[in-house]
Amino acid sequence: MPVFVSYARADEASLDLLVSAVAALDDSTVELRFDLQIPLGEDYFERIFDDILASPVVVFMVSKAFLASGATQKELAYAQAAQGAGTAAILPVILEDCPWRETALKAFQALPPGSKPVASHDDRQQVWRIVASGIAEAAARFAAPRRNPDLKLFTDAEIVQLLRNLEGALKALVMAAAPFPIAPTHLLIDMQQLETKRATYRDELKARIGRL
């Protein structure tokens, strides 16, 4: 199954170690996707966004260089949109000590366990095995097809929270579209789908208020 990996070019050596660790897993179906696989001449960000949409889990290799990179922040914005829409999970991998808890990534459970940076481990080979296994487990857990929630099972407060999540996802999509002179078709389609979901949740909430 596809798993997109976002990283800073300064951390390419860490990406190589992750690729090797995932390849060494027994019976793993994880297929790591990243920017170096994009053919010459293909639209760079459109391909990346397509890969993020296709991935049940999006991995972010977090470092000082990652936090300073404009490209990785665009990828994070799009992953947040996919996560808010319920189509992807976000999984940070902390490479080194850096202020990642001051970013949107603080909301997500990170690897290695305990969020201890890879660089702080003495046995690097072992920690990369642990990271690779964690990614494979997360991908298997989130790979099952997701259904639209039955709103009747949600409380009013939960529907309000769903609406807030969709608002955040729509804002992230707008940010993802910002670099393009004309928003790509797939981004417009995603926005439309989120708008439809938002309208459904609003209608359900209004109907409940009307019954009071």
Protein backbone atom coordinates (compact mmCIF):
# COMPACT_ATOMS: atom_id res chain seq x y z
CA MET A 1 0.00 0.00 0.00
CA PRO A 2 1.29 3.50 -0.76
CA VAL A 3 2.73 5.66 2.02
CA PHE A 4 3.89 9.15 1.08
CA VAL A 5 7.03 10.46 2.82
CA SER A 6 7.64 14.18 3.20
CA TYR A 7 11.19 15.22 4.07
CA ALA A 8 13.71 18.02 3.62
CA ARG A 9 16.44 17.47 1.04
CA ALA A 10 19.02 17.94 3.81
CA ASP A 11 17.63 14.73 5.37
CA GLU A 12 17.97 12.56 2.26
CA ALA A 13 20.36 10.21 4.09
CA SER A 14 17.65 9.56 6.69
CA LEU A 15 15.17 8.84 3.90
CA ASP A 16 17.57 6.23 2.50
CA LEU A 17 17.78 4.56 5.92
CA LEU A 18 13.98 4.50 6.18
CA VAL A 19 13.63 2.99 2.71
CA SER A 20 16.13 0.24 3.63
CA ALA A 21 14.37 -0.45 6.95
CA VAL A 22 10.94 -0.75 5.32
CA ALA A 23 12.35 -3.01 2.58
CA ALA A 24 13.77 -5.32 5.27
CA LEU A 25 10.38 -5.87 6.94
CA ASP A 26 8.91 -9.35 6.63
CA ASP A 27 5.66 -9.54 4.63
CA SER A 28 5.37 -5.77 4.38
CA THR A 29 3.08 -4.33 1.71
CA VAL A 30 4.21 -0.74 2.32
CA GLU A 31 5.29 1.14 -0.81
CA LEU A 32 7.08 4.34 0.15
CA ARG A 33 6.50 7.25 -2.21
CA PHE A 34 8.56 10.43 -2.27
CA ASP A 35 9.61 13.24 -4.57
CA LEU A 36 12.73 11.62 -6.04
CA GLN A 37 10.48 9.13 -7.83
CA ILE A 38 8.72 11.83 -9.86
CA PRO A 39 9.69 11.55 -13.56
CA LEU A 40 11.32 14.52 -15.27
CA GLY A 41 8.80 16.81 -16.89
CA GLU A 42 5.89 15.78 -14.67
CA ASP A 43 4.09 18.45 -12.63
CA TYR A 44 5.93 18.24 -9.29
CA PHE A 45 3.35 19.39 -6.76
CA GLU A 46 0.40 17.84 -8.59
CA ARG A 47 2.11 14.42 -8.45
CA ILE A 48 2.96 14.90 -4.78
CA PHE A 49 -0.62 15.87 -3.96
CA ASP A 50 -1.91 12.83 -5.89
CA ASP A 51 0.43 10.57 -3.90
CA ILE A 52 -0.76 12.10 -0.62
CA LEU A 53 -4.38 11.49 -1.60
CA ALA A 54 -3.57 7.86 -2.44
CA SER A 55 -1.82 7.20 0.89
CA PRO A 56 -3.69 6.02 3.99
CA VAL A 57 -0.73 7.32 6.02
CA VAL A 58 1.48 10.33 5.30
CA VAL A 59 4.87 10.28 7.03
CA PHE A 60 6.69 13.50 7.90
CA MET A 61 10.40 13.23 8.67
CA VAL A 62 10.74 16.12 11.09
CA SER A 63 13.94 18.08 11.58
CA LYS A 64 15.09 21.68 11.71
CA ALA A 65 15.48 21.62 7.92
CA PHE A 66 11.97 20.17 7.53
CA LEU A 67 10.43 22.96 9.61
CA ALA A 68 12.30 25.59 7.58
CA SER A 69 11.27 24.18 4.20
CA GLY A 70 8.46 25.84 2.29
CA ALA A 71 7.85 22.72 0.20
CA THR A 72 7.37 20.42 3.18
CA GLN A 73 4.99 22.91 4.79
CA LYS A 74 2.85 22.85 1.63
CA GLU A 75 2.84 19.06 1.81
CA LEU A 76 1.79 19.26 5.46
CA ALA A 77 -1.07 21.60 4.58
CA TYR A 78 -2.38 19.20 1.98
CA ALA A 79 -2.01 16.21 4.32
CA GLN A 80 -3.98 18.14 6.94
CA ALA A 81 -6.75 18.59 4.38
CA ALA A 82 -6.76 14.87 3.63
CA GLN A 83 -6.69 14.06 7.34
CA GLY A 84 -9.54 16.46 8.06
CA ALA A 85 -11.59 14.85 5.32
CA GLY A 86 -10.95 11.42 6.85
CA THR A 87 -8.87 10.04 3.98
CA ALA A 88 -5.37 10.00 5.52
CA ALA A 89 -3.54 9.79 8.83
CA ILE A 90 -0.51 11.92 9.68
CA LEU A 91 2.53 10.24 11.25
CA PRO A 92 5.55 12.36 12.26
CA VAL A 93 8.97 10.72 12.54
CA ILE A 94 11.20 12.91 14.71
CA LEU A 95 14.75 12.90 13.37
CA GLU A 96 16.37 15.35 15.76
CA ASP A 97 15.60 17.83 18.53
CA CYS A 98 13.62 20.68 16.99
CA PRO A 99 10.57 22.80 17.91
CA TRP A 100 8.04 20.46 16.24
CA ARG A 101 5.70 20.72 19.22
CA GLU A 102 5.18 24.37 18.28
CA THR A 103 3.63 23.27 14.97
CA ALA A 104 0.46 21.51 13.84
CA LEU A 105 2.33 18.20 14.15
CA LYS A 106 2.05 18.37 17.94
CA ALA A 107 -1.50 16.98 17.62
CA PHE A 108 -0.28 13.63 16.26
CA GLN A 109 1.34 10.60 17.85
CA ALA A 110 4.94 10.47 16.66
CA LEU A 111 7.69 7.91 16.10
CA PRO A 112 10.08 6.74 17.51
CA PRO A 113 8.07 5.72 20.60
CA GLY A 114 7.90 8.47 23.18
CA SER A 115 8.78 10.98 20.44
CA LYS A 116 12.45 10.45 21.26
CA PRO A 117 14.38 11.69 18.20
CA VAL A 118 16.19 9.16 16.04
CA ALA A 119 19.44 11.06 16.59
CA SER A 120 19.13 10.49 20.35
CA HIS A 121 19.22 6.69 20.03
CA ASP A 122 22.51 4.82 20.31
CA ASP A 123 21.42 1.88 18.16
CA ARG A 124 20.35 3.60 14.93
CA GLN A 125 19.74 0.35 13.07
CA GLN A 126 17.32 -0.82 15.73
CA VAL A 127 15.47 2.49 15.93
CA TRP A 128 14.94 2.53 12.16
CA ARG A 129 13.52 -1.01 12.40
CA ILE A 130 11.10 0.23 15.06
CA VAL A 131 10.12 3.23 12.93
CA ALA A 132 9.58 1.06 9.86
CA SER A 133 7.41 -1.37 11.82
CA GLY A 134 5.38 1.51 13.24
CA ILE A 135 4.74 2.89 9.77
CA ALA A 136 3.67 -0.53 8.49
CA GLU A 137 1.30 -1.01 11.43
CA ALA A 138 -0.24 2.43 10.93
CA ALA A 139 -0.67 1.84 7.20
CA ALA A 140 -2.42 -1.48 7.83
CA ARG A 141 -4.69 0.11 10.43
CA PHE A 142 -5.76 3.02 8.25
CA ALA A 143 -5.89 1.21 4.92
CA ALA A 144 -9.45 -0.08 5.39
CA PRO A 145 -12.04 1.81 3.30
CA ARG A 146 -13.65 4.61 5.26
CA ARG A 147 -17.34 5.25 5.26
CA ASN A 148 -19.18 8.50 5.76
CA PRO A 149 -20.23 8.66 9.41
CA ASP A 150 -23.85 7.98 10.33
CA LEU A 151 -24.70 11.39 11.76
CA LYS A 152 -27.52 9.95 13.84
CA LEU A 153 -24.88 8.30 16.02
CA PHE A 154 -23.19 11.62 16.77
CA THR A 155 -24.04 14.08 19.54
CA ASP A 156 -24.61 17.75 18.73
CA ALA A 157 -21.18 18.60 20.14
CA GLU A 158 -19.53 15.96 17.97
CA ILE A 159 -21.19 17.31 14.83
CA VAL A 160 -19.97 20.80 15.73
CA GLN A 161 -16.44 19.35 16.02
CA LEU A 162 -16.81 17.66 12.64
CA LEU A 163 -17.75 21.00 11.15
CA ARG A 164 -14.66 22.60 12.70
CA ASN A 165 -12.47 19.84 11.26
CA LEU A 166 -13.93 20.43 7.80
CA GLU A 167 -13.37 24.17 8.09
CA GLY A 168 -9.71 23.49 8.89
CA ALA A 169 -9.43 21.06 5.99
CA LEU A 170 -10.89 23.60 3.57
CA LYS A 171 -8.43 26.24 4.77
CA ALA A 172 -5.57 23.76 4.25
CA LEU A 173 -6.77 23.10 0.70
CA VAL A 174 -6.82 26.81 -0.03
CA MET A 175 -3.22 27.01 1.22
CA ALA A 176 -2.27 24.02 -0.93
CA ALA A 177 -3.76 25.71 -4.00
CA ALA A 178 -2.01 29.03 -3.32
CA PRO A 179 1.22 28.24 -5.26
CA PHE A 180 -0.71 27.59 -8.47
CA PRO A 181 -1.85 30.41 -10.82
CA ILE A 182 -4.96 28.30 -11.44
CA ALA A 183 -6.01 25.71 -8.86
CA PRO A 184 -5.53 22.14 -10.19
CA THR A 185 -8.72 20.26 -11.01
CA HIS A 186 -8.16 17.65 -8.30
CA LEU A 187 -7.91 20.37 -5.65
CA LEU A 188 -11.16 21.93 -6.84
CA ILE A 189 -12.84 18.52 -6.71
CA ASP A 190 -11.59 17.96 -3.16
CA MET A 191 -12.89 21.38 -2.12
CA GLN A 192 -16.27 20.59 -3.62
CA GLN A 193 -16.43 17.27 -1.77
CA LEU A 194 -15.60 18.95 1.53
CA GLU A 195 -18.18 21.66 0.87
CA THR A 196 -20.78 18.93 0.29
CA LYS A 197 -19.89 17.22 3.55
CA ARG A 198 -20.00 20.53 5.41
CA ALA A 199 -23.48 21.26 4.03
CA THR A 200 -24.66 17.79 5.13
CA TYR A 201 -23.43 18.32 8.68
CA ARG A 202 -24.94 21.81 8.84
CA ASP A 203 -28.30 20.52 7.61
CA GLU A 204 -28.29 17.79 10.27
CA LEU A 205 -27.50 20.32 12.99
CA LYS A 206 -30.21 22.71 11.78
CA ALA A 207 -32.75 19.87 11.69
CA ARG A 208 -31.96 18.99 15.29
CA ILE A 209 -32.28 22.60 16.39
CA GLY A 210 -35.63 22.78 14.59
CA ARG A 211 -36.91 19.81 16.58
CA LEU A 212 -36.19 21.48 19.92
